[in-house]
Amino acid sequence: MAHPSVCVTYMARVTIFNYQQYRHIEAQGWILGWAWAKKEVIWSMQGKEATMQGDCSKFHGDVPNCCKKDPTIVDPLLGVPYSAQSANCRKGGVLSSYVQDPLNSVASFQIVVG
């Protein structure tokens, strides 16, 4: 596999809104998952974390954050280092309803994919 400086990488910001009028997303929180179309990996994330790294054994030196074909992303709980946080993170997946508390109805994170 190519080194990340050789392969094509991109950064994305993912934002989740709870537009439900009176229903909060309670403790245990939201979980976001998908399946990659090709052989993408998550090189790094800021603000959230993958639940499993997957098999990254073909990488040497720089190892991706997650090599799973179908990553699952969660909101980290308190205690995450400041350098790993982003705006609207560290809510443990809990989101208020937009109508009742617009500022706390959003979660977002950055992801670098290659």
Protein backbone atom coordinates (compact mmCIF):
# COMPACT_ATOMS: atom_id res chain seq x y z
CA MET A 1 0.00 0.00 0.00
CA ALA A 2 1.25 3.46 -0.80
CA HIS A 3 2.40 5.85 1.89
CA PRO A 4 -0.28 8.48 2.69
CA SER A 5 1.81 11.24 1.09
CA VAL A 6 1.74 9.29 -2.20
CA CYS A 7 -1.91 8.19 -2.30
CA VAL A 8 -4.84 10.55 -2.73
CA THR A 9 -6.20 11.81 0.57
CA TYR A 10 -8.99 14.18 1.38
CA MET A 11 -10.45 15.81 4.46
CA ALA A 12 -14.16 16.00 5.16
CA ARG A 13 -16.24 17.61 7.89
CA VAL A 14 -19.26 15.56 8.91
CA THR A 15 -22.09 17.34 10.73
CA ILE A 16 -25.07 15.64 12.36
CA PHE A 17 -28.17 17.65 13.31
CA ASN A 18 -31.08 16.47 15.48
CA TYR A 19 -34.00 18.23 13.78
CA GLN A 20 -36.60 16.34 15.80
CA GLN A 21 -38.84 18.85 17.54
CA TYR A 22 -39.12 17.33 21.01
CA ARG A 23 -37.10 14.12 20.99
CA HIS A 24 -33.54 14.16 22.28
CA ILE A 25 -30.92 11.58 21.39
CA GLU A 26 -30.27 10.27 24.89
CA ALA A 27 -27.36 8.51 26.62
CA GLN A 28 -25.74 5.73 24.60
CA GLY A 29 -25.94 8.41 21.91
CA TRP A 30 -25.81 8.25 18.16
CA ILE A 31 -23.74 5.80 16.13
CA LEU A 32 -22.77 6.49 12.52
CA GLY A 33 -21.63 3.78 10.12
CA TRP A 34 -21.13 3.22 6.41
CA ALA A 35 -19.36 0.94 3.92
CA TRP A 36 -16.56 2.25 1.68
CA ALA A 37 -16.95 1.86 -2.07
CA LYS A 38 -13.28 0.95 -2.59
CA LYS A 39 -10.30 0.36 -0.29
CA GLU A 40 -10.43 3.61 1.66
CA VAL A 41 -8.99 3.95 5.15
CA ILE A 42 -9.39 6.61 7.81
CA TRP A 43 -5.97 8.15 8.34
CA SER A 44 -7.09 10.39 11.17
CA MET A 45 -10.15 11.82 12.88
CA GLN A 46 -10.64 14.77 15.12
CA GLY A 47 -13.64 14.95 17.42
CA LYS A 48 -14.93 11.37 17.15
CA GLU A 49 -13.50 7.86 17.15
CA ALA A 50 -13.91 4.57 15.33
CA THR A 51 -15.07 1.69 17.51
CA MET A 52 -12.58 -0.75 15.90
CA GLN A 53 -9.32 -0.28 13.99
CA GLY A 54 -9.67 -3.29 11.72
CA ASP A 55 -6.77 -5.03 9.97
CA CYS A 56 -4.07 -2.42 9.24
CA SER A 57 -1.25 -5.01 9.04
CA LYS A 58 -0.35 -4.10 5.43
CA PHE A 59 0.71 -0.61 6.56
CA HIS A 60 4.19 0.02 7.92
CA GLY A 61 5.33 3.22 9.61
CA ASP A 62 2.26 5.45 9.50
CA VAL A 63 -0.71 3.30 10.47
CA PRO A 64 -4.27 4.47 9.72
CA ASN A 65 -6.74 5.20 12.49
CA CYS A 66 -9.22 2.70 10.99
CA CYS A 67 -8.90 0.15 8.15
CA LYS A 68 -12.38 -1.38 8.37
CA LYS A 69 -14.46 -1.66 5.19
CA ASP A 70 -17.48 -0.67 7.30
CA PRO A 71 -16.32 1.73 10.04
CA THR A 72 -18.54 2.65 12.98
CA ILE A 73 -18.05 6.13 14.46
CA VAL A 74 -19.09 7.25 17.95
CA ASP A 75 -18.81 10.43 19.98
CA PRO A 76 -16.07 10.05 22.60
CA LEU A 77 -16.89 10.52 26.24
CA LEU A 78 -15.21 13.02 28.54
CA GLY A 79 -11.48 12.63 28.99
CA VAL A 80 -10.45 12.90 25.34
CA PRO A 81 -7.28 15.04 24.97
CA TYR A 82 -7.93 18.60 23.80
CA SER A 83 -5.81 18.00 20.67
CA ALA A 84 -8.25 15.26 19.59
CA GLN A 85 -11.36 17.40 19.98
CA SER A 86 -13.26 19.51 17.46
CA ALA A 87 -16.18 21.90 17.73
CA ASN A 88 -19.39 20.21 18.90
CA CYS A 89 -17.71 17.09 20.23
CA ARG A 90 -17.46 15.36 23.62
CA LYS A 91 -21.18 15.08 24.13
CA GLY A 92 -21.14 11.29 24.43
CA GLY A 93 -23.49 11.07 21.46
CA VAL A 94 -26.25 12.98 23.27
CA LEU A 95 -28.02 15.60 21.15
CA SER A 96 -30.84 17.89 22.26
CA SER A 97 -33.78 18.56 20.00
CA TYR A 98 -33.31 21.51 17.66
CA VAL A 99 -36.48 23.26 18.81
CA GLN A 100 -35.61 23.05 22.52
CA ASP A 101 -31.84 23.65 22.41
CA PRO A 102 -30.40 24.50 18.96
CA LEU A 103 -26.81 24.93 20.20
CA ASN A 104 -26.70 21.41 21.62
CA SER A 105 -28.53 19.71 18.75
CA VAL A 106 -25.47 19.36 16.52
CA ALA A 107 -22.37 17.16 16.44
CA SER A 108 -19.49 17.40 13.99
CA PHE A 109 -16.07 15.94 13.29
CA GLN A 110 -13.23 16.01 10.77
CA ILE A 111 -11.94 12.94 9.00
CA VAL A 112 -8.93 12.40 6.73
CA VAL A 113 -9.49 9.57 4.25
CA GLY A 114 -7.12 7.94 1.78
